[in-house]
Amino acid sequence: MSDPKVGIIMGSKSDLPVMQEAADILKELQVDFELTIVSAHRTPHRMVEYAESARDKGLQVIIAGAGGAAHLPGMVASLTTIPVIGVPIKSSNSIDGWDSILSILQMPGGIPVATVALNGAKNAGILAASIIGSTDSNIAKNLASYKEGLKEKVLDSLKDL
C-alpha cells in the first residue's frame, strides 16, 4: 500500500494463511499496511533492521505472527518503541500452540507485546486499527461502522430463532 501504518510480519510463508486475516480486515477498515516475512531465527539481521526502521518508515503498529518458539514478536518489541501485537500461530512444529502462546504472552517487564488468541490475526488487525483510530477519525469511523455491522448480524440472527 502507498503509506503503510501497520507492518504485518511473520516468521515464514507457512504463516500466511493465518496472517492474511489481519491483512483482510485492515483492507476492509481502509488501513494501509505492508506484509512481509521476517524470521527472528533465520534472518535476524533483517528483523533488527525492520524493527529499528519501523517508526522512520511511518509504521504506527507492528503485527507479528509466529509459531513454535515464537520469538519474533518479543524480539521486535525489544527493538522498537511502537506497539507490537503478537499472533501466536499453531504451526507444524507447535505443541498444540501453547509454546507459541506462552512465548509471546509471557514477556519480561519492560518489553510488552499485546497478544491475541491462537491464530487470532483478524483480532490483531482490529486492535491495530483501534490503536491507529485513537488519533485518526476516519479509521475510528470505519471501526464504528464495522462494529455496527457486527451488531446488525446478531440482531438479524434473532429473526431465525
N, C-alpha and C. Protein backbone atom coordinates (compact mmCIF):
# COMPACT_ATOMS: atom_id res chain seq x y z
N MET A 1 0.83 -1.18 0.00
CA MET A 1 0.00 0.00 0.00
C MET A 1 0.88 1.25 0.00
N SER A 2 0.28 2.36 -0.28
CA SER A 2 1.05 3.58 -0.52
C SER A 2 1.72 4.16 0.72
N ASP A 3 1.02 4.22 1.82
CA ASP A 3 1.56 4.82 3.03
C ASP A 3 1.24 3.91 4.22
N PRO A 4 1.95 2.79 4.36
CA PRO A 4 1.56 1.82 5.39
C PRO A 4 1.68 2.36 6.81
N LYS A 5 0.65 2.11 7.60
CA LYS A 5 0.62 2.47 9.02
C LYS A 5 0.87 1.24 9.89
N VAL A 6 0.60 0.05 9.31
CA VAL A 6 0.75 -1.21 10.04
C VAL A 6 1.71 -2.10 9.26
N GLY A 7 2.64 -2.68 9.97
CA GLY A 7 3.51 -3.70 9.39
C GLY A 7 3.03 -5.06 9.85
N ILE A 8 2.72 -5.93 8.92
CA ILE A 8 2.35 -7.31 9.25
C ILE A 8 3.54 -8.17 8.87
N ILE A 9 4.12 -8.82 9.88
CA ILE A 9 5.28 -9.67 9.63
C ILE A 9 5.02 -11.06 10.18
N MET A 10 5.69 -12.02 9.57
CA MET A 10 5.54 -13.42 10.01
C MET A 10 6.87 -14.12 9.84
N GLY A 11 7.04 -15.19 10.59
CA GLY A 11 8.31 -15.90 10.58
C GLY A 11 8.57 -16.70 9.33
N SER A 12 7.52 -17.15 8.64
CA SER A 12 7.70 -17.91 7.41
C SER A 12 6.43 -17.84 6.56
N LYS A 13 6.57 -18.22 5.29
CA LYS A 13 5.44 -18.19 4.36
C LYS A 13 4.31 -19.10 4.83
N SER A 14 4.65 -20.14 5.58
CA SER A 14 3.61 -21.07 6.05
C SER A 14 2.64 -20.39 7.03
N ASP A 15 3.03 -19.21 7.56
CA ASP A 15 2.16 -18.46 8.47
C ASP A 15 1.14 -17.60 7.72
N LEU A 16 1.30 -17.48 6.41
CA LEU A 16 0.45 -16.57 5.64
C LEU A 16 -1.05 -16.87 5.72
N PRO A 17 -1.49 -18.12 5.67
CA PRO A 17 -2.94 -18.34 5.77
C PRO A 17 -3.57 -17.73 7.03
N VAL A 18 -2.84 -17.74 8.13
CA VAL A 18 -3.33 -17.12 9.36
C VAL A 18 -3.20 -15.60 9.27
N MET A 19 -2.04 -15.12 8.89
CA MET A 19 -1.76 -13.68 8.89
C MET A 19 -2.54 -12.92 7.82
N GLN A 20 -3.01 -13.62 6.80
CA GLN A 20 -3.82 -12.99 5.76
C GLN A 20 -5.10 -12.39 6.36
N GLU A 21 -5.58 -12.97 7.45
CA GLU A 21 -6.79 -12.45 8.10
C GLU A 21 -6.57 -11.03 8.64
N ALA A 22 -5.36 -10.73 9.11
CA ALA A 22 -5.05 -9.37 9.55
C ALA A 22 -5.07 -8.43 8.36
N ALA A 23 -4.46 -8.86 7.26
CA ALA A 23 -4.44 -8.04 6.05
C ALA A 23 -5.87 -7.79 5.55
N ASP A 24 -6.69 -8.82 5.55
CA ASP A 24 -8.05 -8.69 5.03
C ASP A 24 -8.88 -7.70 5.84
N ILE A 25 -8.79 -7.76 7.16
CA ILE A 25 -9.60 -6.84 7.98
C ILE A 25 -9.04 -5.42 7.88
N LEU A 26 -7.73 -5.26 7.77
CA LEU A 26 -7.16 -3.93 7.60
C LEU A 26 -7.61 -3.32 6.27
N LYS A 27 -7.67 -4.13 5.21
CA LYS A 27 -8.21 -3.65 3.93
C LYS A 27 -9.64 -3.18 4.10
N GLU A 28 -10.43 -4.00 4.77
CA GLU A 28 -11.84 -3.66 4.98
C GLU A 28 -11.99 -2.35 5.76
N LEU A 29 -11.11 -2.13 6.73
CA LEU A 29 -11.16 -0.92 7.55
C LEU A 29 -10.40 0.25 6.93
N GLN A 30 -9.84 0.02 5.76
CA GLN A 30 -9.12 1.05 5.00
C GLN A 30 -7.89 1.57 5.73
N VAL A 31 -7.15 0.63 6.32
CA VAL A 31 -5.88 0.95 6.98
C VAL A 31 -4.76 0.44 6.07
N ASP A 32 -3.88 1.32 5.66
CA ASP A 32 -2.76 0.92 4.81
C ASP A 32 -1.77 0.07 5.62
N PHE A 33 -1.25 -0.97 4.98
CA PHE A 33 -0.33 -1.88 5.66
C PHE A 33 0.68 -2.41 4.66
N GLU A 34 1.72 -3.02 5.21
CA GLU A 34 2.66 -3.78 4.40
C GLU A 34 2.74 -5.18 4.99
N LEU A 35 3.09 -6.14 4.16
CA LEU A 35 3.10 -7.55 4.56
C LEU A 35 4.43 -8.15 4.10
N THR A 36 5.16 -8.79 5.04
CA THR A 36 6.44 -9.38 4.65
C THR A 36 6.82 -10.51 5.62
N ILE A 37 7.86 -11.21 5.24
CA ILE A 37 8.41 -12.29 6.08
C ILE A 37 9.69 -11.79 6.74
N VAL A 38 9.74 -11.96 8.05
CA VAL A 38 10.91 -11.57 8.84
C VAL A 38 11.10 -12.66 9.90
N SER A 39 12.10 -13.48 9.74
CA SER A 39 12.32 -14.57 10.68
C SER A 39 13.32 -14.15 11.76
N ALA A 40 12.91 -14.31 13.01
CA ALA A 40 13.82 -13.99 14.13
C ALA A 40 15.02 -14.91 14.14
N HIS A 41 14.85 -16.15 13.69
CA HIS A 41 15.93 -17.14 13.77
C HIS A 41 16.73 -17.27 12.48
N ARG A 42 16.06 -17.16 11.34
CA ARG A 42 16.75 -17.38 10.07
C ARG A 42 17.24 -16.09 9.42
N THR A 43 16.63 -14.96 9.76
CA THR A 43 17.07 -13.67 9.21
C THR A 43 17.14 -12.63 10.33
N PRO A 44 17.95 -12.87 11.35
CA PRO A 44 17.97 -11.96 12.50
C PRO A 44 18.39 -10.53 12.15
N HIS A 45 19.30 -10.36 11.21
CA HIS A 45 19.72 -9.00 10.84
C HIS A 45 18.58 -8.26 10.14
N ARG A 46 17.82 -8.97 9.31
CA ARG A 46 16.64 -8.38 8.67
C ARG A 46 15.61 -7.97 9.72
N MET A 47 15.43 -8.81 10.74
CA MET A 47 14.49 -8.49 11.82
C MET A 47 14.91 -7.21 12.55
N VAL A 48 16.19 -7.11 12.87
CA VAL A 48 16.70 -5.92 13.57
C VAL A 48 16.48 -4.68 12.71
N GLU A 49 16.85 -4.77 11.44
CA GLU A 49 16.69 -3.63 10.53
C GLU A 49 15.21 -3.24 10.40
N TYR A 50 14.34 -4.22 10.28
CA TYR A 50 12.91 -3.94 10.14
C TYR A 50 12.39 -3.21 11.39
N ALA A 51 12.68 -3.75 12.55
CA ALA A 51 12.18 -3.17 13.79
C ALA A 51 12.75 -1.78 14.04
N GLU A 52 14.03 -1.61 13.82
CA GLU A 52 14.66 -0.31 14.10
C GLU A 52 14.25 0.78 13.11
N SER A 53 13.82 0.40 11.91
CA SER A 53 13.43 1.39 10.91
C SER A 53 11.91 1.61 10.85
N ALA A 54 11.16 0.86 11.61
CA ALA A 54 9.70 0.90 11.51
C ALA A 54 9.12 2.30 11.73
N ARG A 55 9.52 2.96 12.77
CA ARG A 55 8.99 4.30 13.06
C ARG A 55 9.36 5.29 11.95
N ASP A 56 10.61 5.24 11.49
CA ASP A 56 11.04 6.15 10.43
C ASP A 56 10.26 5.92 9.13
N LYS A 57 9.80 4.67 8.90
CA LYS A 57 9.01 4.37 7.71
C LYS A 57 7.56 4.83 7.86
N GLY A 58 7.18 5.27 9.06
CA GLY A 58 5.82 5.73 9.29
C GLY A 58 4.89 4.68 9.87
N LEU A 59 5.43 3.51 10.19
CA LEU A 59 4.58 2.48 10.81
C LEU A 59 4.19 2.94 12.21
N GLN A 60 2.94 2.66 12.57
CA GLN A 60 2.44 3.00 13.90
C GLN A 60 2.19 1.77 14.76
N VAL A 61 2.07 0.61 14.13
CA VAL A 61 1.84 -0.66 14.82
C VAL A 61 2.48 -1.76 14.00
N ILE A 62 3.02 -2.77 14.68
CA ILE A 62 3.51 -3.97 14.02
C ILE A 62 2.70 -5.15 14.53
N ILE A 63 2.20 -5.95 13.61
CA ILE A 63 1.56 -7.22 13.95
C ILE A 63 2.56 -8.30 13.56
N ALA A 64 2.98 -9.10 14.54
CA ALA A 64 4.00 -10.12 14.30
C ALA A 64 3.44 -11.50 14.64
N GLY A 65 3.36 -12.35 13.64
CA GLY A 65 2.87 -13.71 13.85
C GLY A 65 4.01 -14.70 13.83
N ALA A 66 3.94 -15.67 14.74
CA ALA A 66 5.00 -16.67 14.80
C ALA A 66 4.49 -17.94 15.47
N GLY A 67 5.01 -19.07 15.01
CA GLY A 67 4.66 -20.35 15.60
C GLY A 67 5.85 -20.95 16.32
N GLY A 68 5.63 -22.08 16.94
CA GLY A 68 6.71 -22.75 17.66
C GLY A 68 7.21 -21.91 18.82
N ALA A 69 8.52 -21.70 18.88
CA ALA A 69 9.12 -20.92 19.97
C ALA A 69 8.70 -19.46 19.93
N ALA A 70 8.28 -18.96 18.77
CA ALA A 70 7.62 -17.66 18.61
C ALA A 70 8.38 -16.48 19.21
N HIS A 71 9.63 -16.33 18.85
CA HIS A 71 10.42 -15.22 19.37
C HIS A 71 10.21 -13.91 18.62
N LEU A 72 9.66 -13.94 17.42
CA LEU A 72 9.58 -12.75 16.58
C LEU A 72 8.89 -11.57 17.25
N PRO A 73 7.68 -11.71 17.79
CA PRO A 73 7.03 -10.53 18.38
C PRO A 73 7.83 -9.89 19.51
N GLY A 74 8.34 -10.68 20.41
CA GLY A 74 9.10 -10.14 21.54
C GLY A 74 10.42 -9.51 21.13
N MET A 75 11.11 -10.13 20.20
CA MET A 75 12.38 -9.56 19.74
C MET A 75 12.13 -8.24 19.03
N VAL A 76 11.08 -8.18 18.21
CA VAL A 76 10.76 -6.92 17.52
C VAL A 76 10.39 -5.86 18.55
N ALA A 77 9.57 -6.23 19.54
CA ALA A 77 9.17 -5.28 20.58
C ALA A 77 10.39 -4.75 21.35
N SER A 78 11.42 -5.56 21.48
CA SER A 78 12.61 -5.12 22.21
C SER A 78 13.43 -4.11 21.41
N LEU A 79 13.14 -4.00 20.12
CA LEU A 79 13.94 -3.15 19.23
C LEU A 79 13.22 -1.90 18.75
N THR A 80 11.96 -1.71 19.15
CA THR A 80 11.20 -0.55 18.69
C THR A 80 10.35 -0.01 19.83
N THR A 81 9.88 1.21 19.66
CA THR A 81 9.00 1.81 20.67
C THR A 81 7.56 1.89 20.18
N ILE A 82 7.27 1.38 18.98
CA ILE A 82 5.87 1.37 18.54
C ILE A 82 5.20 0.09 19.05
N PRO A 83 3.88 0.09 19.21
CA PRO A 83 3.19 -1.09 19.73
C PRO A 83 3.38 -2.31 18.83
N VAL A 84 3.57 -3.45 19.47
CA VAL A 84 3.68 -4.73 18.76
C VAL A 84 2.55 -5.64 19.26
N ILE A 85 1.83 -6.20 18.30
CA ILE A 85 0.77 -7.15 18.60
C ILE A 85 1.24 -8.52 18.13
N GLY A 86 1.29 -9.47 19.05
CA GLY A 86 1.74 -10.81 18.72
C GLY A 86 0.58 -11.73 18.40
N VAL A 87 0.76 -12.52 17.35
CA VAL A 87 -0.22 -13.53 16.96
C VAL A 87 0.45 -14.90 17.10
N PRO A 88 0.09 -15.64 18.14
CA PRO A 88 0.63 -17.00 18.25
C PRO A 88 -0.02 -17.88 17.17
N ILE A 89 0.80 -18.66 16.50
CA ILE A 89 0.32 -19.50 15.40
C ILE A 89 0.57 -20.96 15.72
N LYS A 90 -0.46 -21.75 15.53
CA LYS A 90 -0.31 -23.19 15.72
C LYS A 90 0.33 -23.74 14.45
N SER A 91 1.60 -24.02 14.53
CA SER A 91 2.36 -24.46 13.36
C SER A 91 2.65 -25.95 13.43
N SER A 92 3.27 -26.45 12.38
CA SER A 92 3.56 -27.89 12.32
C SER A 92 4.52 -28.34 13.41
N ASN A 93 5.36 -27.43 13.91
CA ASN A 93 6.30 -27.80 14.97
C ASN A 93 5.82 -27.34 16.35
N SER A 94 4.54 -27.02 16.44
CA SER A 94 3.99 -26.47 17.68
C SER A 94 3.47 -27.56 18.60
N ILE A 95 3.41 -27.24 19.87
CA ILE A 95 2.84 -28.15 20.87
C ILE A 95 1.42 -27.65 21.14
N ASP A 96 0.51 -27.97 20.22
CA ASP A 96 -0.89 -27.52 20.27
C ASP A 96 -1.00 -26.00 20.37
N GLY A 97 0.04 -25.28 20.00
CA GLY A 97 0.01 -23.82 20.04
C GLY A 97 0.42 -23.21 21.36
N TRP A 98 0.52 -24.02 22.41
CA TRP A 98 0.84 -23.47 23.74
C TRP A 98 2.23 -22.88 23.79
N ASP A 99 3.18 -23.48 23.08
CA ASP A 99 4.53 -22.92 23.07
C ASP A 99 4.52 -21.52 22.46
N SER A 100 3.77 -21.35 21.39
CA SER A 100 3.66 -20.03 20.75
C SER A 100 2.97 -19.03 21.67
N ILE A 101 1.85 -19.45 22.25
CA ILE A 101 1.09 -18.55 23.14
C ILE A 101 1.98 -18.06 24.28
N LEU A 102 2.62 -18.99 24.96
CA LEU A 102 3.41 -18.62 26.13
C LEU A 102 4.66 -17.83 25.75
N SER A 103 5.27 -18.13 24.62
CA SER A 103 6.45 -17.38 24.18
C SER A 103 6.12 -15.92 23.91
N ILE A 104 4.92 -15.66 23.43
CA ILE A 104 4.52 -14.29 23.12
C ILE A 104 3.91 -13.61 24.33
N LEU A 105 3.12 -14.33 25.08
CA LEU A 105 2.38 -13.76 26.20
C LEU A 105 3.27 -13.45 27.41
N GLN A 106 4.20 -14.31 27.71
CA GLN A 106 4.99 -14.20 28.94
C GLN A 106 6.26 -13.37 28.73
N MET A 107 6.09 -12.13 28.34
CA MET A 107 7.24 -11.25 28.11
C MET A 107 7.74 -10.67 29.43
N PRO A 108 9.04 -10.41 29.51
CA PRO A 108 9.58 -9.80 30.74
C PRO A 108 9.12 -8.35 30.86
N GLY A 109 9.10 -7.86 32.10
CA GLY A 109 8.73 -6.47 32.34
C GLY A 109 9.57 -5.52 31.49
N GLY A 110 8.91 -4.52 30.91
CA GLY A 110 9.60 -3.54 30.10
C GLY A 110 9.51 -3.79 28.61
N ILE A 111 9.13 -5.00 28.21
CA ILE A 111 9.02 -5.34 26.78
C ILE A 111 7.61 -5.91 26.54
N PRO A 112 6.58 -5.04 26.54
CA PRO A 112 5.23 -5.56 26.36
C PRO A 112 4.94 -5.96 24.91
N VAL A 113 4.17 -7.02 24.76
CA VAL A 113 3.63 -7.43 23.48
C VAL A 113 2.15 -7.71 23.72
N ALA A 114 1.29 -6.95 23.06
CA ALA A 114 -0.14 -7.25 23.12
C ALA A 114 -0.33 -8.60 22.42
N THR A 115 -1.07 -9.50 23.02
CA THR A 115 -1.18 -10.84 22.47
C THR A 115 -2.65 -11.19 22.24
N VAL A 116 -2.94 -11.69 21.05
CA VAL A 116 -4.30 -12.13 20.72
C VAL A 116 -4.36 -13.64 20.80
N ALA A 117 -5.52 -14.19 20.55
CA ALA A 117 -5.72 -15.63 20.63
C ALA A 117 -4.90 -16.39 19.59
N LEU A 118 -4.75 -17.66 19.81
CA LEU A 118 -4.08 -18.55 18.87
C LEU A 118 -4.72 -18.41 17.50
N ASN A 119 -3.90 -18.12 16.49
CA ASN A 119 -4.37 -17.90 15.11
C ASN A 119 -5.33 -16.71 15.01
N GLY A 120 -5.24 -15.77 15.94
CA GLY A 120 -6.19 -14.66 16.03
C GLY A 120 -5.76 -13.42 15.26
N ALA A 121 -5.28 -13.58 14.04
CA ALA A 121 -4.77 -12.44 13.26
C ALA A 121 -5.87 -11.42 12.94
N LYS A 122 -7.09 -11.85 12.78
CA LYS A 122 -8.17 -10.89 12.50
C LYS A 122 -8.29 -9.90 13.66
N ASN A 123 -8.30 -10.42 14.88
CA ASN A 123 -8.38 -9.53 16.04
C ASN A 123 -7.14 -8.65 16.16
N ALA A 124 -5.99 -9.16 15.75
CA ALA A 124 -4.78 -8.33 15.75
C ALA A 124 -4.96 -7.14 14.80
N GLY A 125 -5.56 -7.40 13.65
CA GLY A 125 -5.82 -6.31 12.71
C GLY A 125 -6.79 -5.29 13.27
N ILE A 126 -7.83 -5.78 13.93
CA ILE A 126 -8.81 -4.87 14.54
C ILE A 126 -8.16 -4.06 15.65
N LEU A 127 -7.32 -4.70 16.47
CA LEU A 127 -6.62 -3.98 17.53
C LEU A 127 -5.68 -2.93 16.95
N ALA A 128 -4.96 -3.27 15.89
CA ALA A 128 -4.07 -2.30 15.25
C ALA A 128 -4.88 -1.11 14.73
N ALA A 129 -6.02 -1.39 14.11
CA ALA A 129 -6.88 -0.30 13.62
C ALA A 129 -7.39 0.54 14.78
N SER A 130 -7.69 -0.08 15.90
CA SER A 130 -8.16 0.66 17.08
C SER A 130 -7.07 1.59 17.61
N ILE A 131 -5.83 1.11 17.61
CA ILE A 131 -4.71 1.95 18.07
C ILE A 131 -4.57 3.15 17.13
N ILE A 132 -4.59 2.90 15.85
CA ILE A 132 -4.46 4.00 14.88
C ILE A 132 -5.69 4.90 14.93
N GLY A 133 -6.86 4.31 15.13
CA GLY A 133 -8.10 5.07 15.21
C GLY A 133 -8.19 5.98 16.42
N SER A 134 -7.33 5.78 17.39
CA SER A 134 -7.35 6.67 18.56
C SER A 134 -6.91 8.08 18.19
N THR A 135 -6.22 8.22 17.06
CA THR A 135 -5.79 9.55 16.60
C THR A 135 -6.21 9.84 15.16
N ASP A 136 -6.87 8.91 14.50
CA ASP A 136 -7.29 9.08 13.11
C ASP A 136 -8.81 8.90 13.06
N SER A 137 -9.54 9.99 12.89
CA SER A 137 -11.00 9.93 12.95
C SER A 137 -11.61 9.11 11.82
N ASN A 138 -10.98 9.05 10.66
CA ASN A 138 -11.52 8.24 9.57
C ASN A 138 -11.47 6.75 9.90
N ILE A 139 -10.36 6.30 10.46
CA ILE A 139 -10.24 4.90 10.87
C ILE A 139 -11.21 4.62 12.01
N ALA A 140 -11.36 5.56 12.93
CA ALA A 140 -12.32 5.39 14.03
C ALA A 140 -13.74 5.22 13.48
N LYS A 141 -14.10 5.99 12.49
CA LYS A 141 -15.44 5.87 11.86
C LYS A 141 -15.59 4.51 11.18
N ASN A 142 -14.54 4.06 10.50
CA ASN A 142 -14.59 2.75 9.85
C ASN A 142 -14.77 1.63 10.87
N LEU A 143 -14.09 1.76 12.01
CA LEU A 143 -14.24 0.76 13.08
C LEU A 143 -15.65 0.79 13.66
N ALA A 144 -16.19 1.98 13.86
CA ALA A 144 -17.54 2.10 14.40
C ALA A 144 -18.54 1.45 13.44
N SER A 145 -18.37 1.66 12.15
CA SER A 145 -19.24 1.06 11.15
C SER A 145 -19.11 -0.46 11.16
N TYR A 146 -17.87 -0.94 11.27
CA TYR A 146 -17.63 -2.39 11.32
C TYR A 146 -18.34 -3.01 12.53
N LYS A 147 -18.20 -2.36 13.69
CA LYS A 147 -18.83 -2.90 14.90
C LYS A 147 -20.35 -2.81 14.83
N GLU A 148 -20.86 -1.79 14.20
CA GLU A 148 -22.30 -1.70 13.99
C GLU A 148 -22.77 -2.86 13.12
N GLY A 149 -21.97 -3.21 12.12
CA GLY A 149 -22.30 -4.36 11.28
C GLY A 149 -22.33 -5.66 12.06
N LEU A 150 -21.42 -5.80 13.03
CA LEU A 150 -21.44 -6.99 13.89
C LEU A 150 -22.73 -7.06 14.68
N LYS A 151 -23.13 -5.90 15.22
CA LYS A 151 -24.37 -5.83 15.99
C LYS A 151 -25.56 -6.22 15.11
N GLU A 152 -25.59 -5.70 13.89
CA GLU A 152 -26.70 -5.99 12.97
C GLU A 152 -26.77 -7.48 12.64
N LYS A 153 -25.63 -8.14 12.49
CA LYS A 153 -25.61 -9.58 12.22
C LYS A 153 -26.27 -10.35 13.35
N VAL A 154 -25.96 -9.95 14.58
CA VAL A 154 -26.56 -10.63 15.74
C VAL A 154 -28.07 -10.39 15.76
N LEU A 155 -28.46 -9.14 15.57
CA LEU A 155 -29.89 -8.83 15.60
C LEU A 155 -30.63 -9.51 14.47
N ASP A 156 -30.02 -9.60 13.30
CA ASP A 156 -30.64 -10.31 12.17
C ASP A 156 -30.79 -11.80 12.47
N SER A 157 -29.83 -12.36 13.21
CA SER A 157 -29.91 -13.79 13.52
C SER A 157 -31.06 -14.10 14.47
N LEU A 158 -31.53 -13.08 15.22
CA LEU A 158 -32.66 -13.30 16.10
C LEU A 158 -33.92 -13.65 15.32
N LYS A 159 -34.00 -13.18 14.09
CA LYS A 159 -35.15 -13.47 13.24
C LYS A 159 -35.26 -14.95 12.92
N ASP A 160 -34.12 -15.64 12.96
CA ASP A 160 -34.09 -17.06 12.61
C ASP A 160 -34.45 -17.97 13.79
N LEU A 161 -34.61 -17.41 14.97
CA LEU A 161 -34.91 -18.23 16.14
C LEU A 161 -36.35 -18.64 16.21
